[in-house]
C-alpha cells in the first residue's frame, strides 16, 4: 500500500509539473498558447501570419490576420499548401494539405535570454520550386537550433 500511495504521489507530481509547461504569449493580434517540446524547447506551431487565401482573397496579396480576444492554440502543425509532393517520406505534409496554409512555426530556447538583445533569429523559407515542400517538415525542424540558443522561424 505504501508503494501504491508513493506511486500515486509521484504520478500526481509529474502531471502537475508537465501541466505547467504550456506557454502563453501576448502579441498585437492576441494571445498564443505554445508548449515545451520533448527536448525542453519552447515551441509554437501553426501560427497564422495572414488571413486564409481563399474565396475573394485567392490570388491576392496576403492580408494581415484579424486580432482576436480568444487564445490561439499553437500546439499542432497546420496543413501544408496544396501540392503533389514527390519528396522522401517525412518531407511531405503529414497533416493534410489546404489552400489555407499561411502558417509559421517558432522554436525558441527553453529559457528567455539574459541578454537584452535576445537570441539570434533564423528565418527559414523552404525550397521546393513553388511545387512541393512545407516549413513544418522534419528537415526544417528548429529544435536543434533552439538547443544551441537560436530562435528558428519557418513558414509555409
N, C-alpha and C. Protein backbone atom coordinates (compact mmCIF):
# COMPACT_ATOMS: atom_id res chain seq x y z
N UNK A 1 0.82 -1.20 0.00
CA UNK A 1 0.00 0.00 0.00
C UNK A 1 0.87 1.26 0.00
N UNK A 2 2.00 1.19 0.72
CA UNK A 2 2.90 2.35 0.77
C UNK A 2 3.44 2.65 -0.63
N UNK A 3 3.84 1.59 -1.38
CA UNK A 3 4.36 1.80 -2.72
C UNK A 3 3.29 2.37 -3.65
N UNK A 4 2.06 1.88 -3.50
CA UNK A 4 0.95 2.38 -4.31
C UNK A 4 0.71 3.86 -4.04
N UNK A 5 0.69 4.25 -2.77
CA UNK A 5 0.49 5.65 -2.39
C UNK A 5 1.64 6.51 -2.89
N UNK A 6 2.88 6.02 -2.74
CA UNK A 6 4.05 6.76 -3.22
C UNK A 6 3.98 6.90 -4.74
N UNK A 7 3.55 5.83 -5.42
CA UNK A 7 3.42 5.89 -6.88
C UNK A 7 2.40 6.92 -7.32
N UNK A 8 1.25 6.95 -6.64
CA UNK A 8 0.23 7.96 -6.97
C UNK A 8 0.75 9.37 -6.74
N UNK A 9 1.49 9.58 -5.64
CA UNK A 9 2.06 10.89 -5.36
C UNK A 9 3.03 11.29 -6.47
N UNK A 10 3.88 10.35 -6.90
CA UNK A 10 4.83 10.63 -7.97
C UNK A 10 4.10 11.00 -9.26
N UNK A 11 3.09 10.21 -9.64
CA UNK A 11 2.34 10.50 -10.87
C UNK A 11 1.63 11.85 -10.79
N UNK A 12 1.08 12.17 -9.64
CA UNK A 12 0.41 13.46 -9.47
C UNK A 12 1.42 14.60 -9.58
N UNK A 13 2.62 14.41 -9.04
CA UNK A 13 3.66 15.44 -9.12
C UNK A 13 4.10 15.65 -10.56
N UNK A 14 4.32 14.55 -11.29
CA UNK A 14 4.72 14.65 -12.69
C UNK A 14 3.63 15.34 -13.50
N UNK A 15 2.39 14.97 -13.29
CA UNK A 15 1.28 15.59 -14.02
C UNK A 15 1.22 17.08 -13.74
N UNK A 16 1.47 17.47 -12.50
CA UNK A 16 1.43 18.90 -12.16
C UNK A 16 2.57 19.64 -12.84
N UNK A 17 3.77 19.04 -12.86
CA UNK A 17 4.92 19.69 -13.50
C UNK A 17 4.66 19.85 -14.99
N UNK A 18 4.25 18.76 -15.67
CA UNK A 18 4.04 18.85 -17.10
C UNK A 18 2.83 19.71 -17.45
N UNK A 19 1.86 19.82 -16.57
CA UNK A 19 0.71 20.67 -16.82
C UNK A 19 1.07 22.14 -16.85
N UNK A 20 2.18 22.51 -16.22
CA UNK A 20 2.61 23.90 -16.17
C UNK A 20 3.53 24.26 -17.33
N UNK A 21 3.79 23.34 -18.24
CA UNK A 21 4.76 23.58 -19.29
C UNK A 21 4.18 24.25 -20.53
N UNK A 22 2.97 24.69 -20.46
CA UNK A 22 2.39 25.39 -21.60
C UNK A 22 2.82 26.85 -21.56
N UNK A 23 2.97 27.43 -22.72
CA UNK A 23 3.45 28.81 -22.82
C UNK A 23 2.39 29.70 -23.44
N UNK A 24 2.11 30.81 -22.79
CA UNK A 24 1.14 31.77 -23.28
C UNK A 24 1.87 33.07 -23.58
N UNK A 25 1.77 33.55 -24.82
CA UNK A 25 2.45 34.76 -25.26
C UNK A 25 1.40 35.76 -25.73
N UNK A 26 1.54 37.00 -25.31
CA UNK A 26 0.64 38.07 -25.76
C UNK A 26 1.27 38.75 -26.97
N UNK A 27 0.54 38.82 -28.10
CA UNK A 27 1.01 39.50 -29.30
C UNK A 27 0.04 40.64 -29.62
N UNK A 28 0.36 41.42 -30.63
CA UNK A 28 -0.54 42.51 -31.03
C UNK A 28 -1.84 41.97 -31.63
N UNK A 29 -1.85 40.70 -32.05
CA UNK A 29 -3.05 40.10 -32.63
C UNK A 29 -3.81 39.22 -31.64
N UNK A 30 -3.28 39.06 -30.44
CA UNK A 30 -3.94 38.24 -29.43
C UNK A 30 -2.97 37.32 -28.73
N UNK A 31 -3.52 36.45 -27.88
CA UNK A 31 -2.70 35.52 -27.11
C UNK A 31 -2.46 34.24 -27.91
N UNK A 32 -1.24 33.70 -27.77
CA UNK A 32 -0.88 32.46 -28.45
C UNK A 32 -0.35 31.49 -27.40
N UNK A 33 -0.95 30.31 -27.36
CA UNK A 33 -0.55 29.26 -26.42
C UNK A 33 0.41 28.30 -27.11
N UNK A 34 1.60 28.15 -26.57
CA UNK A 34 2.58 27.21 -27.09
C UNK A 34 2.78 26.06 -26.12
N UNK A 35 3.88 25.36 -26.29
CA UNK A 35 4.19 24.23 -25.41
C UNK A 35 5.70 23.99 -25.42
N UNK A 36 6.16 23.18 -24.49
CA UNK A 36 7.55 22.72 -24.50
C UNK A 36 7.60 21.42 -25.28
N UNK A 37 8.59 21.28 -26.17
CA UNK A 37 8.76 20.02 -26.87
C UNK A 37 9.41 19.02 -25.93
N UNK A 38 9.51 17.80 -26.37
CA UNK A 38 10.09 16.76 -25.53
C UNK A 38 11.55 17.02 -25.22
N UNK A 39 12.23 17.90 -25.96
CA UNK A 39 13.62 18.24 -25.68
C UNK A 39 13.74 19.51 -24.85
N UNK A 40 12.64 20.00 -24.30
CA UNK A 40 12.68 21.17 -23.45
C UNK A 40 12.73 22.48 -24.21
N UNK A 41 12.46 22.46 -25.50
CA UNK A 41 12.47 23.65 -26.34
C UNK A 41 11.08 24.26 -26.34
N UNK A 42 10.99 25.59 -26.29
CA UNK A 42 9.69 26.26 -26.40
C UNK A 42 9.26 26.23 -27.87
N UNK A 43 8.00 25.90 -28.10
CA UNK A 43 7.53 25.69 -29.47
C UNK A 43 6.12 26.23 -29.65
N UNK A 44 5.92 26.95 -30.75
CA UNK A 44 4.60 27.44 -31.14
C UNK A 44 4.38 26.98 -32.57
N UNK A 45 3.39 26.13 -32.81
CA UNK A 45 3.14 25.53 -34.12
C UNK A 45 1.90 26.13 -34.77
N UNK A 46 1.93 26.23 -36.09
CA UNK A 46 0.74 26.59 -36.84
C UNK A 46 0.17 27.95 -36.54
N UNK A 47 1.03 28.96 -36.41
CA UNK A 47 0.55 30.33 -36.13
C UNK A 47 0.21 31.00 -37.46
N UNK A 48 -1.01 31.49 -37.65
CA UNK A 48 -1.34 32.15 -38.91
C UNK A 48 -0.62 33.49 -39.03
N UNK A 49 0.01 33.72 -40.19
CA UNK A 49 0.64 35.02 -40.42
C UNK A 49 -0.12 35.84 -41.45
N UNK A 50 -1.22 35.31 -41.95
CA UNK A 50 -2.08 36.03 -42.89
C UNK A 50 -3.47 35.41 -42.84
N UNK A 51 -4.44 36.16 -43.36
CA UNK A 51 -5.78 35.59 -43.48
C UNK A 51 -5.71 34.42 -44.47
N UNK A 52 -6.58 33.44 -44.33
CA UNK A 52 -6.59 32.33 -45.29
C UNK A 52 -6.81 32.86 -46.72
N UNK A 53 -5.95 32.47 -47.67
CA UNK A 53 -6.07 32.97 -49.05
C UNK A 53 -7.11 32.18 -49.85
N UNK A 54 -8.34 32.24 -49.40
CA UNK A 54 -9.42 31.50 -50.05
C UNK A 54 -10.52 32.49 -50.46
N UNK A 55 -11.41 32.02 -51.32
CA UNK A 55 -12.53 32.88 -51.76
C UNK A 55 -12.02 34.13 -52.45
N UNK A 56 -12.49 35.29 -52.01
CA UNK A 56 -12.11 36.56 -52.63
C UNK A 56 -10.63 36.90 -52.43
N UNK A 57 -9.99 36.28 -51.45
CA UNK A 57 -8.57 36.56 -51.19
C UNK A 57 -7.63 35.67 -52.02
N UNK A 58 -8.18 34.71 -52.75
CA UNK A 58 -7.35 33.87 -53.60
C UNK A 58 -6.70 34.74 -54.67
N UNK A 59 -5.43 34.56 -54.90
CA UNK A 59 -4.61 35.28 -55.88
C UNK A 59 -4.39 36.74 -55.51
N UNK A 60 -4.72 37.13 -54.29
CA UNK A 60 -4.45 38.49 -53.81
C UNK A 60 -3.22 38.48 -52.92
N UNK A 61 -2.69 39.67 -52.65
CA UNK A 61 -1.59 39.76 -51.70
C UNK A 61 -2.09 39.30 -50.33
N UNK A 62 -1.21 38.70 -49.53
CA UNK A 62 -1.64 38.27 -48.19
C UNK A 62 -2.16 39.45 -47.37
N UNK A 63 -3.20 39.19 -46.59
CA UNK A 63 -3.81 40.19 -45.71
C UNK A 63 -3.46 39.85 -44.27
N UNK A 64 -3.24 40.87 -43.44
CA UNK A 64 -2.96 40.62 -42.02
C UNK A 64 -4.13 39.88 -41.39
N UNK A 65 -3.83 38.94 -40.49
CA UNK A 65 -4.94 38.28 -39.78
C UNK A 65 -5.64 39.26 -38.85
N UNK A 66 -6.89 38.96 -38.54
CA UNK A 66 -7.67 39.81 -37.64
C UNK A 66 -7.23 39.58 -36.19
N UNK A 67 -7.17 40.65 -35.38
CA UNK A 67 -6.91 40.45 -33.95
C UNK A 67 -8.02 39.61 -33.32
N UNK A 68 -7.69 38.92 -32.26
CA UNK A 68 -8.66 38.04 -31.61
C UNK A 68 -8.58 38.19 -30.10
N UNK A 69 -9.72 38.03 -29.45
CA UNK A 69 -9.74 38.03 -27.99
C UNK A 69 -9.60 36.60 -27.46
N UNK A 70 -9.69 35.61 -28.35
CA UNK A 70 -9.53 34.22 -27.96
C UNK A 70 -8.05 33.83 -27.99
N UNK A 71 -7.68 32.88 -27.18
CA UNK A 71 -6.31 32.37 -27.18
C UNK A 71 -6.15 31.37 -28.32
N UNK A 72 -5.13 31.58 -29.16
CA UNK A 72 -4.85 30.69 -30.27
C UNK A 72 -3.98 29.54 -29.77
N UNK A 73 -4.45 28.32 -29.95
CA UNK A 73 -3.72 27.13 -29.51
C UNK A 73 -2.69 26.74 -30.57
N UNK A 74 -1.45 27.14 -30.37
CA UNK A 74 -0.38 26.86 -31.33
C UNK A 74 0.39 25.62 -30.89
N UNK A 75 -0.31 24.52 -30.81
CA UNK A 75 0.30 23.30 -30.30
C UNK A 75 0.34 22.17 -31.34
N UNK A 76 -0.19 22.42 -32.55
CA UNK A 76 -0.18 21.42 -33.61
C UNK A 76 0.21 22.08 -34.93
N UNK A 77 0.87 21.31 -35.81
CA UNK A 77 1.23 21.83 -37.11
C UNK A 77 -0.01 22.03 -37.97
N UNK A 78 0.03 23.06 -38.79
CA UNK A 78 -1.07 23.36 -39.72
C UNK A 78 -0.89 22.54 -40.99
N UNK A 79 -1.92 22.44 -41.82
CA UNK A 79 -1.77 21.74 -43.09
C UNK A 79 -0.77 22.44 -43.99
N UNK A 80 -0.14 21.68 -44.88
CA UNK A 80 0.74 22.25 -45.88
C UNK A 80 -0.07 22.81 -47.03
N UNK A 81 0.57 23.59 -47.88
CA UNK A 81 -0.11 24.11 -49.07
C UNK A 81 -0.38 22.97 -50.04
N UNK A 82 -1.46 23.10 -50.82
CA UNK A 82 -1.84 22.06 -51.78
C UNK A 82 -0.68 21.78 -52.73
N UNK A 83 -0.37 20.49 -52.93
CA UNK A 83 0.79 20.13 -53.74
C UNK A 83 0.74 18.65 -54.09
N UNK A 84 1.53 18.28 -55.08
CA UNK A 84 1.77 16.89 -55.41
C UNK A 84 3.21 16.62 -54.99
N UNK A 85 3.39 16.24 -53.76
CA UNK A 85 4.73 16.13 -53.17
C UNK A 85 5.40 14.83 -53.61
N UNK A 86 6.61 14.95 -54.15
CA UNK A 86 7.40 13.79 -54.58
C UNK A 86 8.68 13.67 -53.75
N UNK A 87 8.71 14.33 -52.60
CA UNK A 87 9.88 14.28 -51.73
C UNK A 87 9.88 12.98 -50.92
N UNK A 88 11.03 12.64 -50.31
CA UNK A 88 11.08 11.43 -49.47
C UNK A 88 10.12 11.54 -48.29
N UNK A 89 9.72 10.40 -47.72
CA UNK A 89 8.83 10.41 -46.55
C UNK A 89 9.37 11.31 -45.44
N UNK A 90 8.47 12.00 -44.75
CA UNK A 90 8.85 12.93 -43.69
C UNK A 90 9.02 14.35 -44.17
N UNK A 91 9.07 14.54 -45.49
CA UNK A 91 9.24 15.88 -46.05
C UNK A 91 8.00 16.36 -46.78
N UNK A 92 6.98 15.54 -46.83
CA UNK A 92 5.70 15.93 -47.42
C UNK A 92 4.70 16.18 -46.29
N UNK A 93 3.66 16.95 -46.55
CA UNK A 93 2.69 17.26 -45.50
C UNK A 93 2.10 16.00 -44.87
N UNK A 94 2.13 15.94 -43.54
CA UNK A 94 1.54 14.81 -42.82
C UNK A 94 0.21 15.21 -42.20
N UNK A 95 -0.08 16.50 -42.13
CA UNK A 95 -1.35 16.99 -41.58
C UNK A 95 -2.31 17.38 -42.68
N UNK A 96 -2.15 16.81 -43.85
CA UNK A 96 -3.01 17.14 -44.97
C UNK A 96 -2.55 18.40 -45.67
N UNK A 97 -3.27 18.78 -46.71
CA UNK A 97 -2.97 19.98 -47.47
C UNK A 97 -4.23 20.83 -47.56
N UNK A 98 -4.03 22.13 -47.77
CA UNK A 98 -5.15 23.06 -47.83
C UNK A 98 -4.71 24.34 -48.51
N UNK A 99 -5.66 25.06 -49.09
CA UNK A 99 -5.35 26.40 -49.56
C UNK A 99 -5.07 27.32 -48.38
N UNK A 100 -5.69 27.03 -47.25
CA UNK A 100 -5.47 27.79 -46.01
C UNK A 100 -4.18 27.25 -45.38
N UNK A 101 -3.04 27.78 -45.84
CA UNK A 101 -1.76 27.20 -45.42
C UNK A 101 -0.71 28.25 -45.04
N UNK A 102 -1.11 29.49 -44.81
CA UNK A 102 -0.13 30.54 -44.49
C UNK A 102 0.10 30.58 -42.98
N UNK A 103 0.93 29.67 -42.52
CA UNK A 103 1.22 29.50 -41.10
C UNK A 103 2.72 29.44 -40.87
N UNK A 104 3.11 29.71 -39.63
CA UNK A 104 4.52 29.59 -39.27
C UNK A 104 4.65 28.80 -37.98
N UNK A 105 5.86 28.29 -37.77
CA UNK A 105 6.20 27.60 -36.53
C UNK A 105 7.46 28.25 -35.97
N UNK A 106 7.50 28.39 -34.65
CA UNK A 106 8.63 29.03 -33.98
C UNK A 106 9.16 28.08 -32.92
N UNK A 107 10.49 27.90 -32.90
CA UNK A 107 11.18 27.16 -31.86
C UNK A 107 12.10 28.14 -31.15
N UNK A 108 12.11 28.11 -29.84
CA UNK A 108 12.95 29.02 -29.05
C UNK A 108 13.61 28.24 -27.92
N UNK A 109 14.78 28.71 -27.46
CA UNK A 109 15.43 28.05 -26.33
C UNK A 109 14.49 27.95 -25.13
N UNK A 110 14.79 27.00 -24.25
CA UNK A 110 13.93 26.71 -23.10
C UNK A 110 13.75 27.90 -22.18
N UNK A 111 14.78 28.70 -22.03
CA UNK A 111 14.71 29.84 -21.11
C UNK A 111 14.89 31.14 -21.88
N UNK A 112 14.22 32.21 -21.45
CA UNK A 112 14.42 33.52 -22.08
C UNK A 112 15.89 33.94 -21.96
N UNK A 113 16.33 34.73 -22.92
CA UNK A 113 17.72 35.19 -22.95
C UNK A 113 18.01 36.18 -21.83
N UNK A 114 19.19 36.07 -21.25
CA UNK A 114 19.64 37.04 -20.25
C UNK A 114 20.15 38.31 -20.93
N UNK A 115 20.49 38.20 -22.21
CA UNK A 115 20.97 39.34 -22.99
C UNK A 115 19.78 40.21 -23.39
N UNK A 116 19.83 41.53 -23.13
CA UNK A 116 18.71 42.41 -23.51
C UNK A 116 18.39 42.37 -25.01
N UNK A 117 19.37 42.01 -25.84
CA UNK A 117 19.14 41.92 -27.29
C UNK A 117 18.41 40.63 -27.67
N UNK A 118 18.32 39.69 -26.74
CA UNK A 118 17.66 38.43 -27.02
C UNK A 118 18.57 37.46 -27.75
N UNK A 119 17.98 36.40 -28.27
CA UNK A 119 18.72 35.39 -29.02
C UNK A 119 18.76 35.75 -30.49
N UNK A 120 19.74 35.23 -31.24
CA UNK A 120 19.70 35.40 -32.69
C UNK A 120 18.50 34.66 -33.26
N UNK A 121 17.98 35.16 -34.38
CA UNK A 121 16.80 34.56 -35.01
C UNK A 121 17.16 34.13 -36.42
N UNK A 122 16.82 32.89 -36.76
CA UNK A 122 16.99 32.39 -38.13
C UNK A 122 15.59 32.25 -38.72
N UNK A 123 15.33 32.93 -39.82
CA UNK A 123 14.05 32.88 -40.52
C UNK A 123 14.24 32.02 -41.75
N UNK A 124 13.51 30.92 -41.83
CA UNK A 124 13.74 29.95 -42.90
C UNK A 124 12.54 29.88 -43.83
N UNK A 125 12.80 30.02 -45.13
CA UNK A 125 11.79 29.83 -46.16
C UNK A 125 12.19 28.57 -46.92
N UNK A 126 11.36 27.54 -46.87
CA UNK A 126 11.71 26.27 -47.50
C UNK A 126 11.78 26.39 -49.01
N UNK A 127 12.54 25.50 -49.61
CA UNK A 127 12.62 25.42 -51.07
C UNK A 127 11.45 24.60 -51.60
N UNK A 128 11.55 24.19 -52.85
CA UNK A 128 10.51 23.35 -53.44
C UNK A 128 10.01 23.86 -54.77
N UNK A 129 10.60 24.95 -55.27
CA UNK A 129 10.27 25.48 -56.60
C UNK A 129 8.79 25.77 -56.77
N UNK A 130 8.13 26.23 -55.70
CA UNK A 130 6.69 26.53 -55.73
C UNK A 130 5.85 25.31 -56.11
N UNK A 131 6.41 24.11 -55.96
CA UNK A 131 5.70 22.89 -56.30
C UNK A 131 5.50 21.95 -55.13
N UNK A 132 6.46 21.91 -54.21
CA UNK A 132 6.38 20.95 -53.12
C UNK A 132 7.18 21.43 -51.92
N UNK A 133 6.87 20.84 -50.78
CA UNK A 133 7.57 21.16 -49.55
C UNK A 133 6.71 21.99 -48.61
N UNK A 134 7.17 22.07 -47.37
CA UNK A 134 6.49 22.88 -46.37
C UNK A 134 7.45 23.17 -45.24
N UNK A 135 7.16 24.21 -44.49
CA UNK A 135 8.04 24.62 -43.41
C UNK A 135 8.06 23.67 -42.23
N UNK A 136 7.00 22.89 -42.05
CA UNK A 136 6.92 22.01 -40.88
C UNK A 136 7.48 20.62 -41.11
N UNK A 137 8.15 20.38 -42.23
CA UNK A 137 8.68 19.03 -42.45
C UNK A 137 9.87 18.78 -41.52
N UNK A 138 10.19 17.52 -41.32
CA UNK A 138 11.25 17.14 -40.39
C UNK A 138 12.59 17.79 -40.74
N UNK A 139 12.84 18.00 -42.01
CA UNK A 139 14.11 18.58 -42.46
C UNK A 139 14.35 19.97 -41.89
N UNK A 140 13.28 20.73 -41.66
CA UNK A 140 13.42 22.12 -41.20
C UNK A 140 13.06 22.30 -39.73
N UNK A 141 12.94 21.22 -38.98
CA UNK A 141 12.60 21.32 -37.56
C UNK A 141 13.69 22.10 -36.83
N UNK A 142 13.30 23.15 -36.11
CA UNK A 142 14.25 24.05 -35.46
C UNK A 142 14.64 23.68 -34.05
N UNK A 143 14.28 22.48 -33.60
CA UNK A 143 14.60 22.08 -32.23
C UNK A 143 16.09 22.12 -31.95
N UNK A 144 16.90 21.57 -32.86
CA UNK A 144 18.35 21.55 -32.62
C UNK A 144 18.94 22.95 -32.55
N UNK A 145 18.47 23.86 -33.39
CA UNK A 145 18.95 25.24 -33.31
C UNK A 145 18.57 25.86 -31.97
N UNK A 146 17.35 25.60 -31.52
CA UNK A 146 16.89 26.18 -30.25
C UNK A 146 17.72 25.67 -29.08
N UNK A 147 18.18 24.42 -29.14
CA UNK A 147 19.04 23.91 -28.06
C UNK A 147 20.41 24.58 -28.08
N UNK A 148 20.74 25.23 -29.19
CA UNK A 148 22.01 25.98 -29.32
C UNK A 148 21.77 27.49 -29.20
N UNK A 149 20.64 27.87 -28.60
CA UNK A 149 20.28 29.26 -28.32
C UNK A 149 20.06 30.11 -29.58
N UNK A 150 19.38 29.52 -30.56
CA UNK A 150 18.97 30.23 -31.77
C UNK A 150 17.46 30.05 -31.92
N UNK A 151 16.73 31.16 -32.04
CA UNK A 151 15.29 31.10 -32.32
C UNK A 151 15.15 30.80 -33.80
N UNK A 152 14.29 29.84 -34.14
CA UNK A 152 14.09 29.46 -35.54
C UNK A 152 12.63 29.66 -35.90
N UNK A 153 12.39 30.33 -37.02
CA UNK A 153 11.04 30.57 -37.54
C UNK A 153 10.98 29.99 -38.94
N UNK A 154 9.99 29.13 -39.20
CA UNK A 154 9.79 28.60 -40.54
C UNK A 154 8.36 28.92 -40.98
N UNK A 155 8.18 29.12 -42.28
CA UNK A 155 6.85 29.43 -42.81
C UNK A 155 6.49 28.46 -43.92
N UNK A 156 5.20 28.35 -44.18
CA UNK A 156 4.70 27.64 -45.36
C UNK A 156 4.56 28.67 -46.46
